[in-house]
Amino acid sequence: QVQLVESGGGLVQPGGSLRLSCAASGFRFNINDMDWYRRAPGKQRELVAGITRGRSTKYADSVKGRFTISRDNAKNTVYLQMNSLKPEDTAVYYCHAESTYERNFWGQGTQVTVSS
């Protein structure tokens, strides 16, 4: 079955960096869109960044210029490089992926905490 496994979360000081990874497995068709979402305490889940198979990208305004999304299609893996982290980036980060016929799959989430 389809699985998405995130890694790379943790505790970092303001201004620091983290790199999240999400490895997808079990897809029978090429993965089209791969995205990162986050849910901060007391807030709704929001899209952080997304990337298509052709590597077109989109970002939330709050992370533009600080976060970079990338992917390795051969490894079915998506990355999120997060620089200049702020306390307001603290959240559980979720990976999302889908192919044309396999829709709306989510990872288990990885905690990112930005605090001094």
PDB file of N, CA and C in Angstrom:
ATOM      1  N   GLN A   1       0.835  -1.188   0.000  1.00  0.00           N
ATOM      2  CA  GLN A   1       0.000   0.000   0.000  1.00  0.00           C
ATOM      3  C   GLN A   1       0.876   1.245   0.000  1.00  0.00           C
ATOM      4  N   VAL A   2       0.262   2.364  -0.300  1.00  0.00           N
ATOM      5  CA  VAL A   2       1.000   3.618  -0.371  1.00  0.00           C
ATOM      6  C   VAL A   2       1.425   4.053   1.030  1.00  0.00           C
ATOM      7  N   GLN A   3       2.660   4.464   1.147  1.00  0.00           N
ATOM      8  CA  GLN A   3       3.178   5.006   2.407  1.00  0.00           C
ATOM      9  C   GLN A   3       4.007   6.246   2.119  1.00  0.00           C
ATOM     10  N   LEU A   4       3.882   7.218   3.003  1.00  0.00           N
ATOM     11  CA  LEU A   4       4.721   8.410   2.981  1.00  0.00           C
ATOM     12  C   LEU A   4       5.399   8.506   4.339  1.00  0.00           C
ATOM     13  N   VAL A   5       6.710   8.552   4.344  1.00  0.00           N
ATOM     14  CA  VAL A   5       7.454   8.564   5.594  1.00  0.00           C
ATOM     15  C   VAL A   5       8.311   9.822   5.644  1.00  0.00           C
ATOM     16  N   GLU A   6       7.975  10.694   6.604  1.00  0.00           N
ATOM     17  CA  GLU A   6       8.711  11.949   6.771  1.00  0.00           C
ATOM     18  C   GLU A   6       9.852  11.766   7.768  1.00  0.00           C
ATOM     19  N   SER A   7      10.866  12.588   7.624  1.00  0.00           N
ATOM     20  CA  SER A   7      11.971  12.620   8.578  1.00  0.00           C
ATOM     21  C   SER A   7      12.608  14.004   8.539  1.00  0.00           C
ATOM     22  N   GLY A   8      13.402  14.303   9.565  1.00  0.00           N
ATOM     23  CA  GLY A   8      14.175  15.537   9.571  1.00  0.00           C
ATOM     24  C   GLY A   8      13.680  16.622  10.504  1.00  0.00           C
ATOM     25  N   GLY A   9      12.559  16.407  11.164  1.00  0.00           N
ATOM     26  CA  GLY A   9      12.073  17.414  12.097  1.00  0.00           C
ATOM     27  C   GLY A   9      12.930  17.464  13.349  1.00  0.00           C
ATOM     28  N   GLY A  10      12.640  18.450  14.183  1.00  0.00           N
ATOM     29  CA  GLY A  10      13.381  18.565  15.429  1.00  0.00           C
ATOM     30  C   GLY A  10      13.268  19.943  16.034  1.00  0.00           C
ATOM     31  N   LEU A  11      14.138  20.206  17.000  1.00  0.00           N
ATOM     32  CA  LEU A  11      14.189  21.484  17.693  1.00  0.00           C
ATOM     33  C   LEU A  11      15.352  22.292  17.138  1.00  0.00           C
ATOM     34  N   VAL A  12      15.091  23.541  16.803  1.00  0.00           N
ATOM     35  CA  VAL A  12      16.126  24.413  16.249  1.00  0.00           C
ATOM     36  C   VAL A  12      15.925  25.820  16.786  1.00  0.00           C
ATOM     37  N   GLN A  13      17.009  26.544  16.910  1.00  0.00           N
ATOM     38  CA  GLN A  13      16.914  27.923  17.383  1.00  0.00           C
ATOM     39  C   GLN A  13      16.451  28.848  16.266  1.00  0.00           C
ATOM     40  N   PRO A  14      15.841  29.969  16.628  1.00  0.00           N
ATOM     41  CA  PRO A  14      15.475  30.952  15.590  1.00  0.00           C
ATOM     42  C   PRO A  14      16.678  31.322  14.735  1.00  0.00           C
ATOM     43  N   GLY A  15      16.436  31.410  13.434  1.00  0.00           N
ATOM     44  CA  GLY A  15      17.512  31.681  12.491  1.00  0.00           C
ATOM     45  C   GLY A  15      18.202  30.445  11.973  1.00  0.00           C
ATOM     46  N   GLY A  16      17.894  29.307  12.552  1.00  0.00           N
ATOM     47  CA  GLY A  16      18.520  28.062  12.144  1.00  0.00           C
ATOM     48  C   GLY A  16      17.862  27.437  10.933  1.00  0.00           C
ATOM     49  N   SER A  17      18.347  26.244  10.573  1.00  0.00           N
ATOM     50  CA  SER A  17      17.873  25.534   9.390  1.00  0.00           C
ATOM     51  C   SER A  17      17.545  24.086   9.711  1.00  0.00           C
ATOM     52  N   LEU A  18      16.617  23.551   8.950  1.00  0.00           N
ATOM     53  CA  LEU A  18      16.293  22.128   8.985  1.00  0.00           C
ATOM     54  C   LEU A  18      15.971  21.685   7.572  1.00  0.00           C
ATOM     55  N   ARG A  19      16.167  20.407   7.313  1.00  0.00           N
ATOM     56  CA  ARG A  19      15.788  19.830   6.031  1.00  0.00           C
ATOM     57  C   ARG A  19      14.875  18.642   6.283  1.00  0.00           C
ATOM     58  N   LEU A  20      13.657  18.739   5.771  1.00  0.00           N
ATOM     59  CA  LEU A  20      12.702  17.645   5.874  1.00  0.00           C
ATOM     60  C   LEU A  20      12.771  16.782   4.623  1.00  0.00           C
ATOM     61  N   SER A  21      12.550  15.497   4.818  1.00  0.00           N
ATOM     62  CA  SER A  21      12.476  14.556   3.700  1.00  0.00           C
ATOM     63  C   SER A  21      11.195  13.754   3.811  1.00  0.00           C
ATOM     64  N   CYS A  22      10.668  13.356   2.673  1.00  0.00           N
ATOM     65  CA  CYS A  22       9.485  12.494   2.645  1.00  0.00           C
ATOM     66  C   CYS A  22       9.674  11.485   1.524  1.00  0.00           C
ATOM     67  N   ALA A  23       9.757  10.225   1.910  1.00  0.00           N
ATOM     68  CA  ALA A  23       9.925   9.147   0.943  1.00  0.00           C
ATOM     69  C   ALA A  23       8.591   8.452   0.722  1.00  0.00           C
ATOM     70  N   ALA A  24       8.181   8.383  -0.528  1.00  0.00           N
ATOM     71  CA  ALA A  24       6.925   7.737  -0.889  1.00  0.00           C
ATOM     72  C   ALA A  24       7.193   6.357  -1.455  1.00  0.00           C
ATOM     73  N   SER A  25       6.317   5.434  -1.126  1.00  0.00           N
ATOM     74  CA  SER A  25       6.421   4.080  -1.668  1.00  0.00           C
ATOM     75  C   SER A  25       5.030   3.520  -1.923  1.00  0.00           C
ATOM     76  N   GLY A  26       4.962   2.519  -2.772  1.00  0.00           N
ATOM     77  CA  GLY A  26       3.699   1.845  -3.012  1.00  0.00           C
ATOM     78  C   GLY A  26       2.845   2.420  -4.121  1.00  0.00           C
ATOM     79  N   PHE A  27       3.249   3.543  -4.695  1.00  0.00           N
ATOM     80  CA  PHE A  27       2.475   4.109  -5.798  1.00  0.00           C
ATOM     81  C   PHE A  27       2.653   3.234  -7.039  1.00  0.00           C
ATOM     82  N   ARG A  28       1.574   2.973  -7.738  1.00  0.00           N
ATOM     83  CA  ARG A  28       1.652   2.191  -8.972  1.00  0.00           C
ATOM     84  C   ARG A  28       1.832   3.093 -10.190  1.00  0.00           C
ATOM     85  N   PHE A  29       1.496   4.370 -10.030  1.00  0.00           N
ATOM     86  CA  PHE A  29       1.609   5.328 -11.116  1.00  0.00           C
ATOM     87  C   PHE A  29       2.566   6.449 -10.706  1.00  0.00           C
ATOM     88  N   ASN A  30       3.053   7.166 -11.702  1.00  0.00           N
ATOM     89  CA  ASN A  30       3.967   8.271 -11.409  1.00  0.00           C
ATOM     90  C   ASN A  30       3.305   9.279 -10.487  1.00  0.00           C
ATOM     91  N   ILE A  31       4.049   9.715  -9.488  1.00  0.00           N
ATOM     92  CA  ILE A  31       3.541  10.719  -8.573  1.00  0.00           C
ATOM     93  C   ILE A  31       3.560  12.073  -9.266  1.00  0.00           C
ATOM     94  N   ASN A  32       2.423  12.754  -9.275  1.00  0.00           N
ATOM     95  CA  ASN A  32       2.355  14.065  -9.901  1.00  0.00           C
ATOM     96  C   ASN A  32       2.772  15.156  -8.909  1.00  0.00           C
ATOM     97  N   ASP A  33       1.890  15.485  -8.008  1.00  0.00           N
ATOM     98  CA  ASP A  33       2.137  16.574  -7.070  1.00  0.00           C
ATOM     99  C   ASP A  33       2.644  16.039  -5.730  1.00  0.00           C
ATOM    100  N   MET A  34       3.638  16.701  -5.184  1.00  0.00           N
ATOM    101  CA  MET A  34       4.126  16.420  -3.836  1.00  0.00           C
ATOM    102  C   MET A  34       4.155  17.749  -3.089  1.00  0.00           C
ATOM    103  N   ASP A  35       3.621  17.750  -1.899  1.00  0.00           N
ATOM    104  CA  ASP A  35       3.433  19.003  -1.161  1.00  0.00           C
ATOM    105  C   ASP A  35       3.854  18.832   0.295  1.00  0.00           C
ATOM    106  N   TRP A  36       4.138  19.955   0.922  1.00  0.00           N
ATOM    107  CA  TRP A  36       4.310  20.027   2.366  1.00  0.00           C
ATOM    108  C   TRP A  36       3.236  20.934   2.937  1.00  0.00           C
ATOM    109  N   TYR A  37       2.555  20.440   3.951  1.00  0.00           N
ATOM    110  CA  TYR A  37       1.578  21.214   4.715  1.00  0.00           C
ATOM    111  C   TYR A  37       2.084  21.295   6.153  1.00  0.00           C
ATOM    112  N   ARG A  38       1.489  22.184   6.903  1.00  0.00           N
ATOM    113  CA  ARG A  38       1.802  22.236   8.335  1.00  0.00           C
ATOM    114  C   ARG A  38       0.563  22.632   9.124  1.00  0.00           C
ATOM    115  N   ARG A  39       0.554  22.206  10.389  1.00  0.00           N
ATOM    116  CA  ARG A  39      -0.516  22.599  11.302  1.00  0.00           C
ATOM    117  C   ARG A  39       0.135  23.058  12.591  1.00  0.00           C
ATOM    118  N   ALA A  40      -0.030  24.337  12.859  1.00  0.00           N
ATOM    119  CA  ALA A  40       0.477  24.903  14.099  1.00  0.00           C
ATOM    120  C   ALA A  40      -0.573  24.755  15.189  1.00  0.00           C
ATOM    121  N   PRO A  41      -0.178  24.770  16.445  1.00  0.00           N
ATOM    122  CA  PRO A  41      -1.147  24.635  17.543  1.00  0.00           C
ATOM    123  C   PRO A  41      -2.247  25.687  17.438  1.00  0.00           C
ATOM    124  N   GLY A  42      -3.490  25.225  17.482  1.00  0.00           N
ATOM    125  CA  GLY A  42      -4.629  26.136  17.455  1.00  0.00           C
ATOM    126  C   GLY A  42      -4.949  26.725  16.098  1.00  0.00           C
ATOM    127  N   LYS A  43      -4.265  26.253  15.054  1.00  0.00           N
ATOM    128  CA  LYS A  43      -4.495  26.800  13.723  1.00  0.00           C
ATOM    129  C   LYS A  43      -4.893  25.706  12.751  1.00  0.00           C
ATOM    130  N   GLN A  44      -5.428  26.118  11.618  1.00  0.00           N
ATOM    131  CA  GLN A  44      -5.791  25.152  10.587  1.00  0.00           C
ATOM    132  C   GLN A  44      -4.558  24.737   9.798  1.00  0.00           C
ATOM    133  N   ARG A  45      -4.655  23.580   9.197  1.00  0.00           N
ATOM    134  CA  ARG A  45      -3.586  23.102   8.328  1.00  0.00           C
ATOM    135  C   ARG A  45      -3.448  24.046   7.135  1.00  0.00           C
ATOM    136  N   GLU A  46      -2.201  24.326   6.750  1.00  0.00           N
ATOM    137  CA  GLU A  46      -1.978  25.224   5.623  1.00  0.00           C
ATOM    138  C   GLU A  46      -0.925  24.625   4.695  1.00  0.00           C
ATOM    139  N   LEU A  47      -1.043  24.976   3.419  1.00  0.00           N
ATOM    140  CA  LEU A  47      -0.047  24.569   2.440  1.00  0.00           C
ATOM    141  C   LEU A  47       1.213  25.402   2.631  1.00  0.00           C
ATOM    142  N   VAL A  48       2.337  24.729   2.719  1.00  0.00           N
ATOM    143  CA  VAL A  48       3.619  25.421   2.862  1.00  0.00           C
ATOM    144  C   VAL A  48       4.291  25.560   1.498  1.00  0.00           C
ATOM    145  N   ALA A  49       4.382  24.447   0.782  1.00  0.00           N
ATOM    146  CA  ALA A  49       5.039  24.449  -0.527  1.00  0.00           C
ATOM    147  C   ALA A  49       4.596  23.228  -1.303  1.00  0.00           C
ATOM    148  N   GLY A  50       4.611  23.351  -2.623  1.00  0.00           N
ATOM    149  CA  GLY A  50       4.252  22.237  -3.479  1.00  0.00           C
ATOM    150  C   GLY A  50       5.143  22.196  -4.703  1.00  0.00           C
ATOM    151  N   ILE A  51       5.273  20.999  -5.273  1.00  0.00           N
ATOM    152  CA  ILE A  51       6.107  20.828  -6.462  1.00  0.00           C
ATOM    153  C   ILE A  51       5.481  19.765  -7.357  1.00  0.00           C
ATOM    154  N   THR A  52       5.427  20.069  -8.659  1.00  0.00           N
ATOM    155  CA  THR A  52       4.893  19.114  -9.612  1.00  0.00           C
ATOM    156  C   THR A  52       6.001  18.165 -10.082  1.00  0.00           C
ATOM    157  N   ARG A  53       5.596  17.168 -10.836  1.00  0.00           N
ATOM    158  CA  ARG A  53       6.587  16.228 -11.353  1.00  0.00           C
ATOM    159  C   ARG A  53       7.590  16.939 -12.260  1.00  0.00           C
ATOM    160  N   GLY A  54       7.121  17.949 -12.952  1.00  0.00           N
ATOM    161  CA  GLY A  54       7.994  18.751 -13.797  1.00  0.00           C
ATOM    162  C   GLY A  54       8.759  19.817 -13.042  1.00  0.00           C
ATOM    163  N   ARG A  55       8.612  19.827 -11.720  1.00  0.00           N
ATOM    164  CA  ARG A  55       9.356  20.699 -10.816  1.00  0.00           C
ATOM    165  C   ARG A  55       8.904  22.156 -10.831  1.00  0.00           C
ATOM    166  N   SER A  56       7.668  22.400 -11.220  1.00  0.00           N
ATOM    167  CA  SER A  56       7.082  23.709 -10.961  1.00  0.00           C
ATOM    168  C   SER A  56       6.760  23.791  -9.474  1.00  0.00           C
ATOM    169  N   THR A  57       7.025  24.956  -8.886  1.00  0.00           N
ATOM    170  CA  THR A  57       6.875  25.075  -7.436  1.00  0.00           C
ATOM    171  C   THR A  57       5.910  26.198  -7.061  1.00  0.00           C
ATOM    172  N   LYS A  58       5.387  26.105  -5.849  1.00  0.00           N
ATOM    173  CA  LYS A  58       4.566  27.156  -5.273  1.00  0.00           C
ATOM    174  C   LYS A  58       4.864  27.196  -3.781  1.00  0.00           C
ATOM    175  N   TYR A  59       4.720  28.387  -3.197  1.00  0.00           N
ATOM    176  CA  TYR A  59       5.033  28.591  -1.791  1.00  0.00           C
ATOM    177  C   TYR A  59       3.994  29.473  -1.130  1.00  0.00           C
ATOM    178  N   ALA A  60       3.782  29.238   0.156  1.00  0.00           N
ATOM    179  CA  ALA A  60       3.013  30.172   0.956  1.00  0.00           C
ATOM    180  C   ALA A  60       3.810  31.474   1.076  1.00  0.00           C
ATOM    181  N   ASP A  61       3.115  32.592   1.112  1.00  0.00           N
ATOM    182  CA  ASP A  61       3.799  33.885   1.198  1.00  0.00           C
ATOM    183  C   ASP A  61       4.712  33.945   2.425  1.00  0.00           C
ATOM    184  N   SER A  62       4.303  33.295   3.488  1.00  0.00           N
ATOM    185  CA  SER A  62       5.047  33.382   4.745  1.00  0.00           C
ATOM    186  C   SER A  62       6.403  32.690   4.705  1.00  0.00           C
ATOM    187  N   VAL A  63       6.629  31.842   3.700  1.00  0.00           N
ATOM    188  CA  VAL A  63       7.895  31.099   3.648  1.00  0.00           C
ATOM    189  C   VAL A  63       8.717  31.435   2.410  1.00  0.00           C
ATOM    190  N   LYS A  64       8.186  32.241   1.513  1.00  0.00           N
ATOM    191  CA  LYS A  64       8.920  32.593   0.290  1.00  0.00           C
ATOM    192  C   LYS A  64      10.265  33.222   0.640  1.00  0.00           C
ATOM    193  N   GLY A  65      11.294  32.764  -0.045  1.00  0.00           N
ATOM    194  CA  GLY A  65      12.635  33.285   0.194  1.00  0.00           C
ATOM    195  C   GLY A  65      13.366  32.602   1.327  1.00  0.00           C
ATOM    196  N   ARG A  66      12.662  31.794   2.114  1.00  0.00           N
ATOM    197  CA  ARG A  66      13.297  31.086   3.236  1.00  0.00           C
ATOM    198  C   ARG A  66      13.276  29.566   3.047  1.00  0.00           C
ATOM    199  N   PHE A  67      12.201  29.051   2.450  1.00  0.00           N
ATOM    200  CA  PHE A  67      12.049  27.612   2.262  1.00  0.00           C
ATOM    201  C   PHE A  67      12.232  27.269   0.784  1.00  0.00           C
ATOM    202  N   THR A  68      12.774  26.090   0.529  1.00  0.00           N
ATOM    203  CA  THR A  68      12.918  25.600  -0.832  1.00  0.00           C
ATOM    204  C   THR A  68      12.455  24.156  -0.898  1.00  0.00           C
ATOM    205  N   ILE A  69      11.538  23.883  -1.809  1.00  0.00           N
ATOM    206  CA  ILE A  69      11.055  22.523  -2.022  1.00  0.00           C
ATOM    207  C   ILE A  69      11.744  21.945  -3.245  1.00  0.00           C
ATOM    208  N   SER A  70      12.089  20.666  -3.168  1.00  0.00           N
ATOM    209  CA  SER A  70      12.710  19.975  -4.293  1.00  0.00           C
ATOM    210  C   SER A  70      12.285  18.515  -4.247  1.00  0.00           C
ATOM    211  N   ARG A  71      12.568  17.787  -5.328  1.00  0.00           N
ATOM    212  CA  ARG A  71      12.188  16.377  -5.360  1.00  0.00           C
ATOM    213  C   ARG A  71      13.147  15.581  -6.218  1.00  0.00           C
ATOM    214  N   ASP A  72      13.201  14.308  -5.922  1.00  0.00           N
ATOM    215  CA  ASP A  72      13.967  13.341  -6.700  1.00  0.00           C
ATOM    216  C   ASP A  72      12.964  12.318  -7.203  1.00  0.00           C
ATOM    217  N   ASN A  73      12.615  12.412  -8.477  1.00  0.00           N
ATOM    218  CA  ASN A  73      11.580  11.533  -9.024  1.00  0.00           C
ATOM    219  C   ASN A  73      12.017  10.064  -9.017  1.00  0.00           C
ATOM    220  N   ALA A  74      13.292   9.821  -9.208  1.00  0.00           N
ATOM    221  CA  ALA A  74      13.779   8.441  -9.211  1.00  0.00           C
ATOM    222  C   ALA A  74      13.621   7.790  -7.842  1.00  0.00           C
ATOM    223  N   LYS A  75      13.702   8.592  -6.787  1.00  0.00           N
ATOM    224  CA  LYS A  75      13.580   8.066  -5.424  1.00  0.00           C
ATOM    225  C   LYS A  75      12.201   8.309  -4.830  1.00  0.00           C
ATOM    226  N   ASN A  76      11.312   8.938  -5.598  1.00  0.00           N
ATOM    227  CA  ASN A  76       9.968   9.279  -5.077  1.00  0.00           C
ATOM    228  C   ASN A  76      10.075  10.001  -3.739  1.00  0.00           C
ATOM    229  N   THR A  77      10.969  10.955  -3.685  1.00  0.00           N
ATOM    230  CA  THR A  77      11.242  11.666  -2.443  1.00  0.00           C
ATOM    231  C   THR A  77      11.132  13.170  -2.666  1.00  0.00           C
ATOM    232  N   VAL A  78      10.533  13.843  -1.695  1.00  0.00           N
ATOM    233  CA  VAL A  78      10.426  15.297  -1.725  1.00  0.00           C
ATOM    234  C   VAL A  78      11.134  15.847  -0.489  1.00  0.00           C
ATOM    235  N   TYR A  79      11.742  16.996  -0.675  1.00  0.00           N
ATOM    236  CA  TYR A  79      12.509  17.637   0.389  1.00  0.00           C
ATOM    237  C   TYR A  79      11.974  19.044   0.650  1.00  0.00           C
ATOM    238  N   LEU A  80      12.190  19.511   1.871  1.00  0.00           N
ATOM    239  CA  LEU A  80      11.884  20.896   2.195  1.00  0.00           C
ATOM    240  C   LEU A  80      13.061  21.452   2.982  1.00  0.00           C
ATOM    241  N   GLN A  81      13.828  22.306   2.336  1.00  0.00           N
ATOM    242  CA  GLN A  81      14.927  22.990   3.008  1.00  0.00           C
ATOM    243  C   GLN A  81      14.379  24.243   3.650  1.00  0.00           C
ATOM    244  N   MET A  82      14.507  24.341   4.952  1.00  0.00           N
ATOM    245  CA  MET A  82      13.953  25.457   5.700  1.00  0.00           C
ATOM    246  C   MET A  82      15.092  26.251   6.328  1.00  0.00           C
ATOM    247  N   ASN A  83      15.248  27.476   5.907  1.00  0.00           N
ATOM    248  CA  ASN A  83      16.283  28.364   6.430  1.00  0.00           C
ATOM    249  C   ASN A  83      15.646  29.548   7.152  1.00  0.00           C
ATOM    250  N   SER A  84      16.453  30.231   7.931  1.00  0.00           N
ATOM    251  CA  SER A  84      15.986  31.431   8.660  1.00  0.00           C
ATOM    252  C   SER A  84      14.688  31.142   9.407  1.00  0.00           C
ATOM    253  N   LEU A  85      14.677  30.050  10.114  1.00  0.00           N
ATOM    254  CA  LEU A  85      13.450  29.619  10.786  1.00  0.00           C
ATOM    255  C   LEU A  85      13.051  30.596  11.881  1.00  0.00           C
ATOM    256  N   LYS A  86      11.739  30.742  12.025  1.00  0.00           N
ATOM    257  CA  LYS A  86      11.145  31.638  13.005  1.00  0.00           C
ATOM    258  C   LYS A  86      10.275  30.837  13.974  1.00  0.00           C
ATOM    259  N   PRO A  87      10.036  31.375  15.149  1.00  0.00           N
ATOM    260  CA  PRO A  87       9.152  30.659  16.090  1.00  0.00           C
ATOM    261  C   PRO A  87       7.786  30.351  15.491  1.00  0.00           C
ATOM    262  N   GLU A  88       7.297  31.219  14.618  1.00  0.00           N
ATOM    263  CA  GLU A  88       5.975  30.980  14.014  1.00  0.00           C
ATOM    264  C   GLU A  88       5.991  29.853  12.986  1.00  0.00           C
ATOM    265  N   ASP A  89       7.157  29.306  12.672  1.00  0.00           N
ATOM    266  CA  ASP A  89       7.229  28.123  11.808  1.00  0.00           C
ATOM    267  C   ASP A  89       7.006  26.834  12.601  1.00  0.00           C
ATOM    268  N   THR A  90       6.924  26.950  13.912  1.00  0.00           N
ATOM    269  CA  THR A  90       6.676  25.780  14.748  1.00  0.00           C
ATOM    270  C   THR A  90       5.348  25.140  14.391  1.00  0.00           C
ATOM    271  N   ALA A  91       5.382  23.854  14.062  1.00  0.00           N
ATOM    272  CA  ALA A  91       4.190  23.147  13.622  1.00  0.00           C
ATOM    273  C   ALA A  91       4.537  21.678  13.392  1.00  0.00           C
ATOM    274  N   VAL A  92       3.507  20.895  13.177  1.00  0.00           N
ATOM    275  CA  VAL A  92       3.701  19.552  12.641  1.00  0.00           C
ATOM    276  C   VAL A  92       3.630  19.676  11.118  1.00  0.00           C
ATOM    277  N   TYR A  93       4.646  19.160  10.463  1.00  0.00           N
ATOM    278  CA  TYR A  93       4.742  19.243   9.006  1.00  0.00           C
ATOM    279  C   TYR A  93       4.347  17.900   8.399  1.00  0.00           C
ATOM    280  N   TYR A  94       3.474  17.963   7.403  1.00  0.00           N
ATOM    281  CA  TYR A  94       2.944  16.774   6.764  1.00  0.00           C
ATOM    282  C   TYR A  94       3.298  16.760   5.281  1.00  0.00           C
ATOM    283  N   CYS A  95       3.649  15.596   4.801  1.00  0.00           N
ATOM    284  CA  CYS A  95       3.885  15.366   3.384  1.00  0.00           C
ATOM    285  C   CYS A  95       2.589  14.887   2.743  1.00  0.00           C
ATOM    286  N   HIS A  96       2.340  15.330   1.532  1.00  0.00           N
ATOM    287  CA  HIS A  96       1.142  14.948   0.784  1.00  0.00           C
ATOM    288  C   HIS A  96       1.573  14.619  -0.641  1.00  0.00           C
ATOM    289  N   ALA A  97       1.024  13.545  -1.188  1.00  0.00           N
ATOM    290  CA  ALA A  97       1.390  13.163  -2.555  1.00  0.00           C
ATOM    291  C   ALA A  97       0.226  12.467  -3.225  1.00  0.00           C
ATOM    292  N   GLU A  98       0.187  12.576  -4.558  1.00  0.00           N
ATOM    293  CA  GLU A  98      -0.843  11.870  -5.297  1.00  0.00           C
ATOM    294  C   GLU A  98      -0.415  11.676  -6.738  1.00  0.00           C
ATOM    295  N   SER A  99      -0.919  10.599  -7.321  1.00  0.00           N
ATOM    296  CA  SER A  99      -0.757  10.365  -8.746  1.00  0.00           C
ATOM    297  C   SER A  99      -2.107  10.601  -9.410  1.00  0.00           C
ATOM    298  N   THR A 100      -2.185  10.368 -10.693  1.00  0.00           N
ATOM    299  CA  THR A 100      -3.434  10.601 -11.412  1.00  0.00           C
ATOM    300  C   THR A 100      -4.569   9.733 -10.866  1.00  0.00           C
ATOM    301  N   TYR A 101      -4.237   8.500 -10.504  1.00  0.00           N
ATOM    302  CA  TYR A 101      -5.286   7.562 -10.089  1.00  0.00           C
ATOM    303  C   TYR A 101      -5.218   7.200  -8.611  1.00  0.00           C
ATOM    304  N   GLU A 102      -4.214   7.692  -7.907  1.00  0.00           N
ATOM    305  CA  GLU A 102      -4.065   7.431  -6.467  1.00  0.00           C
ATOM    306  C   GLU A 102      -4.006   8.780  -5.770  1.00  0.00           C
ATOM    307  N   ARG A 103      -5.095   9.129  -5.132  1.00  0.00           N
ATOM    308  CA  ARG A 103      -5.255  10.512  -4.712  1.00  0.00           C
ATOM    309  C   ARG A 103      -5.161  10.668  -3.211  1.00  0.00           C
ATOM    310  N   ASN A 104      -4.573  11.812  -2.794  1.00  0.00           N
ATOM    311  CA  ASN A 104      -4.715  12.310  -1.433  1.00  0.00           C
ATOM    312  C   ASN A 104      -4.120  11.403  -0.359  1.00  0.00           C
ATOM    313  N   PHE A 105      -2.823  11.169  -0.437  1.00  0.00           N
ATOM    314  CA  PHE A 105      -2.123  10.392   0.577  1.00  0.00           C
ATOM    315  C   PHE A 105      -1.277  11.304   1.451  1.00  0.00           C
ATOM    316  N   TRP A 106      -1.234  10.965   2.743  1.00  0.00           N
ATOM    317  CA  TRP A 106      -0.560  11.809   3.737  1.00  0.00           C
ATOM    318  C   TRP A 106       0.441  11.004   4.553  1.00  0.00           C
ATOM    319  N   GLY A 107       1.509  11.675   4.960  1.00  0.00           N
ATOM    320  CA  GLY A 107       2.432  11.095   5.913  1.00  0.00           C
ATOM    321  C   GLY A 107       1.935  11.271   7.333  1.00  0.00           C
ATOM    322  N   GLN A 108       2.697  10.759   8.282  1.00  0.00           N
ATOM    323  CA  GLN A 108       2.280  10.775   9.678  1.00  0.00           C
ATOM    324  C   GLN A 108       2.616  12.096  10.362  1.00  0.00           C
ATOM    325  N   GLY A 109       3.445  12.894   9.736  1.00  0.00           N
ATOM    326  CA  GLY A 109       3.800  14.191  10.300  1.00  0.00           C
ATOM    327  C   GLY A 109       5.111  14.156  11.053  1.00  0.00           C
ATOM    328  N   THR A 110       5.825  15.270  11.014  1.00  0.00           N
ATOM    329  CA  THR A 110       7.062  15.416  11.768  1.00  0.00           C
ATOM    330  C   THR A 110       7.049  16.787  12.455  1.00  0.00           C
ATOM    331  N   GLN A 111       7.414  16.796  13.727  1.00  0.00           N
ATOM    332  CA  GLN A 111       7.344  18.020  14.521  1.00  0.00           C
ATOM    333  C   GLN A 111       8.562  18.902  14.252  1.00  0.00           C
ATOM    334  N   VAL A 112       8.302  20.167  13.992  1.00  0.00           N
ATOM    335  CA  VAL A 112       9.354  21.182  13.892  1.00  0.00           C
ATOM    336  C   VAL A 112       9.089  22.217  14.977  1.00  0.00           C
ATOM    337  N   THR A 113      10.068  22.426  15.841  1.00  0.00           N
ATOM    338  CA  THR A 113       9.943  23.395  16.916  1.00  0.00           C
ATOM    339  C   THR A 113      11.080  24.391  16.814  1.00  0.00           C
ATOM    340  N   VAL A 114      10.720  25.669  16.717  1.00  0.00           N
ATOM    341  CA  VAL A 114      11.711  26.739  16.619  1.00  0.00           C
ATOM    342  C   VAL A 114      11.641  27.545  17.913  1.00  0.00           C
ATOM    343  N   SER A 115      12.665  27.417  18.713  1.00  0.00           N
ATOM    344  CA  SER A 115      12.649  28.051  20.031  1.00  0.00           C
ATOM    345  C   SER A 115      14.070  28.221  20.541  1.00  0.00           C
ATOM    346  N   SER A 116      14.275  29.288  21.294  1.00  0.00           N
ATOM    347  CA  SER A 116      15.572  29.501  21.921  1.00  0.00           C
ATOM    348  C   SER A 116      15.592  28.918  23.325  1.00  0.00           C
TER     349      SER A 116
END
